[in-house]
Amino acid sequence: MDTAQVGSWMEQAQPILVAFGLKVIGAIVVFIIGRWLIHLVTRLVGAAMTRQEIDPTVQRYLVSFINVALNIVLVVAILGYFGVETTSFAALVAGAGVAIGAAWSGLLSNFAAGIFLLVLRPYKVGEYVSAGGVEGTVLEIGLFGTGINTPDNVKTVVGNAKVMGNDIKNYTANPYRRVELAAQLAGSADVHKAIALLKDSVAKVANTMKSPAVDVEILEFNEFGPKLAVRPYCHTDHYWQVYFDTNMAIADTLGGAGFPVATRPVKVYPV
């Protein structure tokens, strides 16, 4: 191979190499600017979520998701700049996303529900709730499940999708709760006296609120006699203590006052 042929090839290759070099430089510039813009966007989104007091866990996941998505867009754009066919690549990414979504549909639904729980905050750690068919004290709110400690001291993890798909009762959200109890009287009992005695005795139960005052009213009449609704109010932290102490107060009050025991009336059948 002589020098003339080499020089000819170099002259022919020079425009191609120059064009390729310019494209590489352009791609590097696009990559640097793109990375800077991605960093700026994620930083602004993170700052906006911080101002809105969104949970830090949610912030990290959302910022990470946005960062990954924008980086994929940047890579596809650079490949397109070099003339690489990106349609197949995009289809491959979309197909992989569909396959992963189908395989992880349950987990992803729990993840999405967890985001809503962390943002909307229908309950917080330490509150007593009924969620997803489970009642107890919230131990943790995860992105995939909520940990609840039931009254019998069993830690139960409920999927967030199940929590969001059912009614949520937060017993701690309000400053007080009403305790629902009943007192069965005999048909011959003095109802007015029983109501007065119960209102006085239940009001003395520890941690019972003065306002609202204790409710004692006739709930219904049944075959035994009048049935009274006994409803004291208390802070949610003292619910079970007031519940059991009020039951004891009902028994002591009616028994101490000599009220007759409610018994089923004897049916007399004709001979």
C-alpha atoms as a PDB file:
ATOM      1  CA  MET A   1       0.000   0.000   0.000  1.00  0.00           C
ATOM      2  CA  ASP A   2       1.603   3.267  -1.084  1.00  0.00           C
ATOM      3  CA  THR A   3       1.445   6.644   0.557  1.00  0.00           C
ATOM      4  CA  ALA A   4      -0.931   8.007  -2.075  1.00  0.00           C
ATOM      5  CA  GLN A   5      -3.607   5.428  -1.272  1.00  0.00           C
ATOM      6  CA  VAL A   6      -3.328   6.098   2.475  1.00  0.00           C
ATOM      7  CA  GLY A   7      -3.619   9.811   1.894  1.00  0.00           C
ATOM      8  CA  SER A   8      -6.691   9.255  -0.279  1.00  0.00           C
ATOM      9  CA  TRP A   9      -8.381   7.164   2.390  1.00  0.00           C
ATOM     10  CA  MET A  10      -7.582   9.748   5.038  1.00  0.00           C
ATOM     11  CA  GLU A  11      -9.087  12.475   2.908  1.00  0.00           C
ATOM     12  CA  GLN A  12     -12.253  10.404   2.422  1.00  0.00           C
ATOM     13  CA  ALA A  13     -12.495   9.424   6.127  1.00  0.00           C
ATOM     14  CA  GLN A  14     -11.794  12.897   7.486  1.00  0.00           C
ATOM     15  CA  PRO A  15     -15.321  14.319   6.969  1.00  0.00           C
ATOM     16  CA  ILE A  16     -16.855  11.176   8.499  1.00  0.00           C
ATOM     17  CA  LEU A  17     -14.530  11.309  11.520  1.00  0.00           C
ATOM     18  CA  VAL A  18     -15.144  15.028  11.965  1.00  0.00           C
ATOM     19  CA  ALA A  19     -18.904  14.527  11.783  1.00  0.00           C
ATOM     20  CA  PHE A  20     -18.725  11.605  14.232  1.00  0.00           C
ATOM     21  CA  GLY A  21     -16.496  13.573  16.570  1.00  0.00           C
ATOM     22  CA  LEU A  22     -18.910  16.497  16.507  1.00  0.00           C
ATOM     23  CA  LYS A  23     -21.785  14.120  17.288  1.00  0.00           C
ATOM     24  CA  VAL A  24     -19.845  12.635  20.213  1.00  0.00           C
ATOM     25  CA  ILE A  25     -19.087  16.098  21.544  1.00  0.00           C
ATOM     26  CA  GLY A  26     -22.747  17.067  21.057  1.00  0.00           C
ATOM     27  CA  ALA A  27     -23.885  13.886  22.869  1.00  0.00           C
ATOM     28  CA  ILE A  28     -21.539  14.646  25.777  1.00  0.00           C
ATOM     29  CA  VAL A  29     -22.874  18.196  25.973  1.00  0.00           C
ATOM     30  CA  VAL A  30     -26.477  16.937  25.833  1.00  0.00           C
ATOM     31  CA  PHE A  31     -25.696  14.347  28.530  1.00  0.00           C
ATOM     32  CA  ILE A  32     -24.105  16.936  30.840  1.00  0.00           C
ATOM     33  CA  ILE A  33     -26.936  19.438  30.352  1.00  0.00           C
ATOM     34  CA  GLY A  34     -29.519  16.685  30.669  1.00  0.00           C
ATOM     35  CA  ARG A  35     -28.009  15.408  33.926  1.00  0.00           C
ATOM     36  CA  TRP A  36     -27.920  18.949  35.270  1.00  0.00           C
ATOM     37  CA  LEU A  37     -31.580  19.490  34.368  1.00  0.00           C
ATOM     38  CA  ILE A  38     -32.568  16.147  35.911  1.00  0.00           C
ATOM     39  CA  HIS A  39     -30.758  17.083  39.117  1.00  0.00           C
ATOM     40  CA  LEU A  40     -32.487  20.482  39.097  1.00  0.00           C
ATOM     41  CA  VAL A  41     -35.937  18.939  38.545  1.00  0.00           C
ATOM     42  CA  THR A  42     -35.530  16.310  41.275  1.00  0.00           C
ATOM     43  CA  ARG A  43     -34.203  18.945  43.682  1.00  0.00           C
ATOM     44  CA  LEU A  44     -37.152  21.262  42.986  1.00  0.00           C
ATOM     45  CA  VAL A  45     -39.643  18.397  43.344  1.00  0.00           C
ATOM     46  CA  GLY A  46     -38.029  17.326  46.620  1.00  0.00           C
ATOM     47  CA  ALA A  47     -38.118  20.899  47.946  1.00  0.00           C
ATOM     48  CA  ALA A  48     -41.784  21.259  46.955  1.00  0.00           C
ATOM     49  CA  MET A  49     -42.698  18.029  48.747  1.00  0.00           C
ATOM     50  CA  THR A  50     -40.742  19.148  51.826  1.00  0.00           C
ATOM     51  CA  ARG A  51     -42.731  22.399  51.897  1.00  0.00           C
ATOM     52  CA  GLN A  52     -45.925  20.357  51.699  1.00  0.00           C
ATOM     53  CA  GLU A  53     -44.650  18.272  54.656  1.00  0.00           C
ATOM     54  CA  ILE A  54     -44.921  15.031  52.702  1.00  0.00           C
ATOM     55  CA  ASP A  55     -43.465  12.015  54.485  1.00  0.00           C
ATOM     56  CA  PRO A  56     -39.676  11.659  53.868  1.00  0.00           C
ATOM     57  CA  THR A  57     -40.145   8.034  52.801  1.00  0.00           C
ATOM     58  CA  VAL A  58     -42.572   9.094  50.075  1.00  0.00           C
ATOM     59  CA  GLN A  59     -40.219  11.854  49.002  1.00  0.00           C
ATOM     60  CA  ARG A  60     -37.301   9.467  48.527  1.00  0.00           C
ATOM     61  CA  TYR A  61     -39.335   7.012  46.477  1.00  0.00           C
ATOM     62  CA  LEU A  62     -40.940   9.650  44.267  1.00  0.00           C
ATOM     63  CA  VAL A  63     -37.665  11.493  43.659  1.00  0.00           C
ATOM     64  CA  SER A  64     -35.937   8.190  42.860  1.00  0.00           C
ATOM     65  CA  PHE A  65     -38.717   7.232  40.434  1.00  0.00           C
ATOM     66  CA  ILE A  66     -38.586  10.609  38.668  1.00  0.00           C
ATOM     67  CA  ASN A  67     -34.784  10.418  38.475  1.00  0.00           C
ATOM     68  CA  VAL A  68     -34.812   6.958  36.871  1.00  0.00           C
ATOM     69  CA  ALA A  69     -37.571   7.871  34.413  1.00  0.00           C
ATOM     70  CA  LEU A  70     -35.839  11.057  33.261  1.00  0.00           C
ATOM     71  CA  ASN A  71     -32.506   9.276  32.871  1.00  0.00           C
ATOM     72  CA  ILE A  72     -34.155   6.673  30.628  1.00  0.00           C
ATOM     73  CA  VAL A  73     -35.620   9.481  28.521  1.00  0.00           C
ATOM     74  CA  LEU A  74     -32.170  11.107  28.318  1.00  0.00           C
ATOM     75  CA  VAL A  75     -30.472   7.879  27.167  1.00  0.00           C
ATOM     76  CA  VAL A  76     -33.155   7.243  24.526  1.00  0.00           C
ATOM     77  CA  ALA A  77     -32.770  10.840  23.273  1.00  0.00           C
ATOM     78  CA  ILE A  78     -28.980  10.467  22.949  1.00  0.00           C
ATOM     79  CA  LEU A  79     -29.352   7.161  21.097  1.00  0.00           C
ATOM     80  CA  GLY A  80     -31.818   8.829  18.736  1.00  0.00           C
ATOM     81  CA  TYR A  81     -29.321  11.658  18.227  1.00  0.00           C
ATOM     82  CA  PHE A  82     -26.773   9.100  17.007  1.00  0.00           C
ATOM     83  CA  GLY A  83     -29.341   7.680  14.617  1.00  0.00           C
ATOM     84  CA  VAL A  84     -29.946   4.493  16.609  1.00  0.00           C
ATOM     85  CA  GLU A  85     -33.466   3.125  16.096  1.00  0.00           C
ATOM     86  CA  THR A  86     -35.097   3.673  19.483  1.00  0.00           C
ATOM     87  CA  THR A  87     -38.533   2.314  18.631  1.00  0.00           C
ATOM     88  CA  SER A  88     -37.498  -1.255  19.408  1.00  0.00           C
ATOM     89  CA  PHE A  89     -35.766  -0.131  22.593  1.00  0.00           C
ATOM     90  CA  ALA A  90     -38.861   1.728  23.753  1.00  0.00           C
ATOM     91  CA  ALA A  91     -41.032  -1.279  22.921  1.00  0.00           C
ATOM     92  CA  LEU A  92     -38.658  -3.507  24.900  1.00  0.00           C
ATOM     93  CA  VAL A  93     -38.836  -1.204  27.925  1.00  0.00           C
ATOM     94  CA  ALA A  94     -42.631  -1.020  27.656  1.00  0.00           C
ATOM     95  CA  GLY A  95     -42.897  -4.819  27.335  1.00  0.00           C
ATOM     96  CA  ALA A  96     -40.648  -5.321  30.343  1.00  0.00           C
ATOM     97  CA  GLY A  97     -42.762  -2.861  32.299  1.00  0.00           C
ATOM     98  CA  VAL A  98     -45.953  -4.719  31.419  1.00  0.00           C
ATOM     99  CA  ALA A  99     -44.419  -8.074  32.356  1.00  0.00           C
ATOM    100  CA  ILE A 100     -43.095  -6.784  35.645  1.00  0.00           C
ATOM    101  CA  GLY A 101     -46.386  -5.028  36.359  1.00  0.00           C
ATOM    102  CA  ALA A 102     -48.351  -8.240  35.762  1.00  0.00           C
ATOM    103  CA  ALA A 103     -46.009 -10.284  37.943  1.00  0.00           C
ATOM    104  CA  TRP A 104     -45.920  -7.708  40.726  1.00  0.00           C
ATOM    105  CA  SER A 105     -49.457  -6.357  40.424  1.00  0.00           C
ATOM    106  CA  GLY A 106     -50.347  -7.140  44.027  1.00  0.00           C
ATOM    107  CA  LEU A 107     -47.146  -5.622  45.374  1.00  0.00           C
ATOM    108  CA  LEU A 108     -47.491  -2.566  43.176  1.00  0.00           C
ATOM    109  CA  SER A 109     -51.086  -2.019  44.278  1.00  0.00           C
ATOM    110  CA  ASN A 110     -49.939  -2.176  47.893  1.00  0.00           C
ATOM    111  CA  PHE A 111     -47.136   0.260  47.047  1.00  0.00           C
ATOM    112  CA  ALA A 112     -49.547   2.714  45.396  1.00  0.00           C
ATOM    113  CA  ALA A 113     -51.951   2.450  48.332  1.00  0.00           C
ATOM    114  CA  GLY A 114     -49.041   2.991  50.727  1.00  0.00           C
ATOM    115  CA  ILE A 115     -48.185   6.249  48.974  1.00  0.00           C
ATOM    116  CA  PHE A 116     -51.765   7.463  49.445  1.00  0.00           C
ATOM    117  CA  LEU A 117     -51.737   6.422  53.108  1.00  0.00           C
ATOM    118  CA  LEU A 118     -48.503   8.297  53.749  1.00  0.00           C
ATOM    119  CA  VAL A 119     -49.774  11.391  51.931  1.00  0.00           C
ATOM    120  CA  LEU A 120     -53.390  11.466  53.146  1.00  0.00           C
ATOM    121  CA  ARG A 121     -52.610  10.229  56.684  1.00  0.00           C
ATOM    122  CA  PRO A 122     -55.985   8.752  57.703  1.00  0.00           C
ATOM    123  CA  TYR A 123     -54.146   7.452  60.779  1.00  0.00           C
ATOM    124  CA  LYS A 124     -50.740   7.751  62.415  1.00  0.00           C
ATOM    125  CA  VAL A 125     -48.453   5.464  64.374  1.00  0.00           C
ATOM    126  CA  GLY A 126     -49.787   4.945  67.905  1.00  0.00           C
ATOM    127  CA  GLU A 127     -53.444   5.523  67.025  1.00  0.00           C
ATOM    128  CA  TYR A 128     -56.144   2.922  67.605  1.00  0.00           C
ATOM    129  CA  VAL A 129     -57.879   2.047  64.347  1.00  0.00           C
ATOM    130  CA  SER A 130     -59.913  -0.501  62.473  1.00  0.00           C
ATOM    131  CA  ALA A 131     -58.355  -0.945  59.027  1.00  0.00           C
ATOM    132  CA  GLY A 132     -58.598  -3.769  56.526  1.00  0.00           C
ATOM    133  CA  GLY A 133     -60.765  -5.768  58.908  1.00  0.00           C
ATOM    134  CA  VAL A 134     -58.166  -5.609  61.712  1.00  0.00           C
ATOM    135  CA  GLU A 135     -58.583  -3.538  64.868  1.00  0.00           C
ATOM    136  CA  GLY A 136     -55.740  -2.411  67.083  1.00  0.00           C
ATOM    137  CA  THR A 137     -52.913   0.077  67.624  1.00  0.00           C
ATOM    138  CA  VAL A 138     -50.885   1.136  64.588  1.00  0.00           C
ATOM    139  CA  LEU A 139     -47.232   0.093  64.942  1.00  0.00           C
ATOM    140  CA  GLU A 140     -45.925   1.200  61.553  1.00  0.00           C
ATOM    141  CA  ILE A 141     -47.101   2.490  58.196  1.00  0.00           C
ATOM    142  CA  GLY A 142     -44.999   0.906  55.480  1.00  0.00           C
ATOM    143  CA  LEU A 143     -45.089   1.370  51.737  1.00  0.00           C
ATOM    144  CA  PHE A 144     -46.556  -2.098  51.276  1.00  0.00           C
ATOM    145  CA  GLY A 145     -48.336  -2.904  54.539  1.00  0.00           C
ATOM    146  CA  THR A 146     -49.553  -1.456  57.834  1.00  0.00           C
ATOM    147  CA  GLY A 147     -48.473  -3.110  61.080  1.00  0.00           C
ATOM    148  CA  ILE A 148     -51.246  -3.265  63.689  1.00  0.00           C
ATOM    149  CA  ASN A 149     -51.002  -4.617  67.227  1.00  0.00           C
ATOM    150  CA  THR A 150     -54.369  -6.201  68.086  1.00  0.00           C
ATOM    151  CA  PRO A 151     -55.881  -6.025  71.604  1.00  0.00           C
ATOM    152  CA  ASP A 152     -54.738  -9.629  72.263  1.00  0.00           C
ATOM    153  CA  ASN A 153     -51.135  -8.484  71.574  1.00  0.00           C
ATOM    154  CA  VAL A 154     -50.702 -10.025  68.129  1.00  0.00           C
ATOM    155  CA  LYS A 155     -48.795  -8.041  65.513  1.00  0.00           C
ATOM    156  CA  THR A 156     -50.741  -8.179  62.246  1.00  0.00           C
ATOM    157  CA  VAL A 157     -49.546  -6.760  58.931  1.00  0.00           C
ATOM    158  CA  VAL A 158     -52.374  -5.705  56.602  1.00  0.00           C
ATOM    159  CA  GLY A 159     -51.721  -4.992  52.917  1.00  0.00           C
ATOM    160  CA  ASN A 160     -52.167  -1.305  52.156  1.00  0.00           C
ATOM    161  CA  ALA A 161     -54.387  -2.099  49.164  1.00  0.00           C
ATOM    162  CA  LYS A 162     -56.776  -3.940  51.505  1.00  0.00           C
ATOM    163  CA  VAL A 163     -56.692  -0.999  53.908  1.00  0.00           C
ATOM    164  CA  MET A 164     -57.556   1.497  51.170  1.00  0.00           C
ATOM    165  CA  GLY A 165     -60.222  -0.817  49.757  1.00  0.00           C
ATOM    166  CA  ASN A 166     -62.170  -0.947  53.028  1.00  0.00           C
ATOM    167  CA  ASP A 167     -63.583   1.470  55.574  1.00  0.00           C
ATOM    168  CA  ILE A 168     -61.030   2.967  57.974  1.00  0.00           C
ATOM    169  CA  LYS A 169     -62.134   3.785  61.514  1.00  0.00           C
ATOM    170  CA  ASN A 170     -59.789   5.972  63.541  1.00  0.00           C
ATOM    171  CA  TYR A 171     -60.856   5.777  67.181  1.00  0.00           C
ATOM    172  CA  THR A 172     -58.105   8.143  68.327  1.00  0.00           C
ATOM    173  CA  ALA A 173     -58.745  11.033  65.939  1.00  0.00           C
ATOM    174  CA  ASN A 174     -61.424  12.670  68.126  1.00  0.00           C
ATOM    175  CA  PRO A 175     -60.723  13.898  71.664  1.00  0.00           C
ATOM    176  CA  TYR A 176     -63.197  11.492  73.310  1.00  0.00           C
ATOM    177  CA  ARG A 177     -65.251   8.351  72.722  1.00  0.00           C
ATOM    178  CA  ARG A 178     -68.617   7.142  73.934  1.00  0.00           C
ATOM    179  CA  VAL A 179     -68.707   3.844  75.788  1.00  0.00           C
ATOM    180  CA  GLU A 180     -71.734   1.756  74.789  1.00  0.00           C
ATOM    181  CA  LEU A 181     -73.173  -0.334  77.650  1.00  0.00           C
ATOM    182  CA  ALA A 182     -76.616  -1.528  78.742  1.00  0.00           C
ATOM    183  CA  ALA A 183     -78.408  -2.375  81.982  1.00  0.00           C
ATOM    184  CA  GLN A 184     -81.327  -4.780  81.977  1.00  0.00           C
ATOM    185  CA  LEU A 185     -84.061  -4.075  84.537  1.00  0.00           C
ATOM    186  CA  ALA A 186     -86.903  -6.254  85.711  1.00  0.00           C
ATOM    187  CA  GLY A 187     -90.415  -5.299  84.669  1.00  0.00           C
ATOM    188  CA  SER A 188     -91.270  -4.280  88.261  1.00  0.00           C
ATOM    189  CA  ALA A 189     -88.209  -2.031  88.707  1.00  0.00           C
ATOM    190  CA  ASP A 190     -88.475   1.709  89.316  1.00  0.00           C
ATOM    191  CA  VAL A 191     -86.975   3.027  86.073  1.00  0.00           C
ATOM    192  CA  HIS A 192     -86.647   6.663  87.216  1.00  0.00           C
ATOM    193  CA  LYS A 193     -84.806   5.658  90.374  1.00  0.00           C
ATOM    194  CA  ALA A 194     -82.500   3.342  88.431  1.00  0.00           C
ATOM    195  CA  ILE A 195     -81.637   6.087  85.936  1.00  0.00           C
ATOM    196  CA  ALA A 196     -80.867   8.603  88.691  1.00  0.00           C
ATOM    197  CA  LEU A 197     -78.680   6.152  90.629  1.00  0.00           C
ATOM    198  CA  LEU A 198     -76.758   5.040  87.537  1.00  0.00           C
ATOM    199  CA  LYS A 199     -76.091   8.589  86.363  1.00  0.00           C
ATOM    200  CA  ASP A 200     -74.661   9.431  89.775  1.00  0.00           C
ATOM    201  CA  SER A 201     -72.537   6.291  90.181  1.00  0.00           C
ATOM    202  CA  VAL A 202     -71.197   6.120  86.616  1.00  0.00           C
ATOM    203  CA  ALA A 203     -70.223   9.797  86.722  1.00  0.00           C
ATOM    204  CA  LYS A 204     -67.864   8.873  89.591  1.00  0.00           C
ATOM    205  CA  VAL A 205     -66.004   6.239  87.552  1.00  0.00           C
ATOM    206  CA  ALA A 206     -62.381   7.256  87.104  1.00  0.00           C
ATOM    207  CA  ASN A 207     -61.546   9.086  83.854  1.00  0.00           C
ATOM    208  CA  THR A 208     -65.208   9.582  82.938  1.00  0.00           C
ATOM    209  CA  MET A 209     -65.736  12.990  81.341  1.00  0.00           C
ATOM    210  CA  LYS A 210     -67.991  15.568  82.977  1.00  0.00           C
ATOM    211  CA  SER A 211     -68.856  17.093  79.620  1.00  0.00           C
ATOM    212  CA  PRO A 212     -70.485  15.476  77.764  1.00  0.00           C
ATOM    213  CA  ALA A 213     -72.274  14.075  80.779  1.00  0.00           C
ATOM    214  CA  VAL A 214     -73.191  10.421  81.231  1.00  0.00           C
ATOM    215  CA  ASP A 215     -76.249   9.334  79.225  1.00  0.00           C
ATOM    216  CA  VAL A 216     -78.655   6.885  80.872  1.00  0.00           C
ATOM    217  CA  GLU A 217     -81.898   6.414  78.974  1.00  0.00           C
ATOM    218  CA  ILE A 218     -84.415   3.689  78.164  1.00  0.00           C
ATOM    219  CA  LEU A 219     -83.078   1.850  75.145  1.00  0.00           C
ATOM    220  CA  GLU A 220     -85.947  -0.596  74.596  1.00  0.00           C
ATOM    221  CA  PHE A 221     -88.523  -2.803  76.239  1.00  0.00           C
ATOM    222  CA  ASN A 222     -88.122  -6.562  75.964  1.00  0.00           C
ATOM    223  CA  GLU A 223     -89.589  -9.641  77.593  1.00  0.00           C
ATOM    224  CA  PHE A 224     -87.491  -9.079  80.740  1.00  0.00           C
ATOM    225  CA  GLY A 225     -88.497  -5.454  81.202  1.00  0.00           C
ATOM    226  CA  PRO A 226     -86.978  -2.053  80.340  1.00  0.00           C
ATOM    227  CA  LYS A 227     -83.401  -2.046  79.063  1.00  0.00           C
ATOM    228  CA  LEU A 228     -81.304   1.020  79.795  1.00  0.00           C
ATOM    229  CA  ALA A 229     -78.540   2.450  77.621  1.00  0.00           C
ATOM    230  CA  VAL A 230     -75.603   3.513  79.813  1.00  0.00           C
ATOM    231  CA  ARG A 231     -73.163   5.728  77.898  1.00  0.00           C
ATOM    232  CA  PRO A 232     -70.274   7.476  79.630  1.00  0.00           C
ATOM    233  CA  TYR A 233     -67.720   9.502  77.653  1.00  0.00           C
ATOM    234  CA  CYS A 234     -63.966   9.300  78.082  1.00  0.00           C
ATOM    235  CA  HIS A 235     -60.630   9.901  76.367  1.00  0.00           C
ATOM    236  CA  THR A 236     -59.764   7.104  73.965  1.00  0.00           C
ATOM    237  CA  ASP A 237     -56.737   6.110  76.088  1.00  0.00           C
ATOM    238  CA  HIS A 238     -59.051   5.200  78.970  1.00  0.00           C
ATOM    239  CA  TYR A 239     -61.761   3.478  76.934  1.00  0.00           C
ATOM    240  CA  TRP A 240     -61.368  -0.077  78.237  1.00  0.00           C
ATOM    241  CA  GLN A 241     -60.778   1.005  81.818  1.00  0.00           C
ATOM    242  CA  VAL A 242     -63.999   3.060  81.768  1.00  0.00           C
ATOM    243  CA  TYR A 243     -65.796   0.227  79.952  1.00  0.00           C
ATOM    244  CA  PHE A 244     -65.034  -2.396  82.598  1.00  0.00           C
ATOM    245  CA  ASP A 245     -65.337  -0.044  85.590  1.00  0.00           C
ATOM    246  CA  THR A 246     -68.739   1.145  84.357  1.00  0.00           C
ATOM    247  CA  ASN A 247     -69.953  -2.448  84.091  1.00  0.00           C
ATOM    248  CA  MET A 248     -68.877  -2.970  87.692  1.00  0.00           C
ATOM    249  CA  ALA A 249     -70.597   0.275  88.737  1.00  0.00           C
ATOM    250  CA  ILE A 250     -73.856  -0.887  87.105  1.00  0.00           C
ATOM    251  CA  ALA A 251     -73.733  -4.196  88.946  1.00  0.00           C
ATOM    252  CA  ASP A 252     -72.848  -2.606  92.300  1.00  0.00           C
ATOM    253  CA  THR A 253     -75.424   0.185  92.001  1.00  0.00           C
ATOM    254  CA  LEU A 254     -78.412  -1.921  90.996  1.00  0.00           C
ATOM    255  CA  GLY A 255     -77.468  -4.749  93.366  1.00  0.00           C
ATOM    256  CA  GLY A 256     -76.810  -2.418  96.283  1.00  0.00           C
ATOM    257  CA  ALA A 257     -80.144  -0.636  95.782  1.00  0.00           C
ATOM    258  CA  GLY A 258     -82.017  -3.942  95.905  1.00  0.00           C
ATOM    259  CA  PHE A 259     -83.315  -3.914  92.348  1.00  0.00           C
ATOM    260  CA  PRO A 260     -84.841  -7.258  91.431  1.00  0.00           C
ATOM    261  CA  VAL A 261     -82.967  -9.522  89.039  1.00  0.00           C
ATOM    262  CA  ALA A 262     -84.480  -9.485  85.572  1.00  0.00           C
ATOM    263  CA  THR A 263     -85.771 -12.964  84.776  1.00  0.00           C
ATOM    264  CA  ARG A 264     -87.643 -14.383  81.852  1.00  0.00           C
ATOM    265  CA  PRO A 265     -91.392 -14.397  82.591  1.00  0.00           C
ATOM    266  CA  VAL A 266     -92.866 -17.833  83.111  1.00  0.00           C
ATOM    267  CA  LYS A 267     -95.307 -18.779  80.389  1.00  0.00           C
ATOM    268  CA  VAL A 268     -98.480 -20.473  81.593  1.00  0.00           C
ATOM    269  CA  TYR A 269     -99.997 -22.843  79.085  1.00  0.00           C
ATOM    270  CA  PRO A 270    -103.689 -23.803  79.335  1.00  0.00           C
ATOM    271  CA  VAL A 271    -104.351 -27.329  80.444  1.00  0.00           C
END
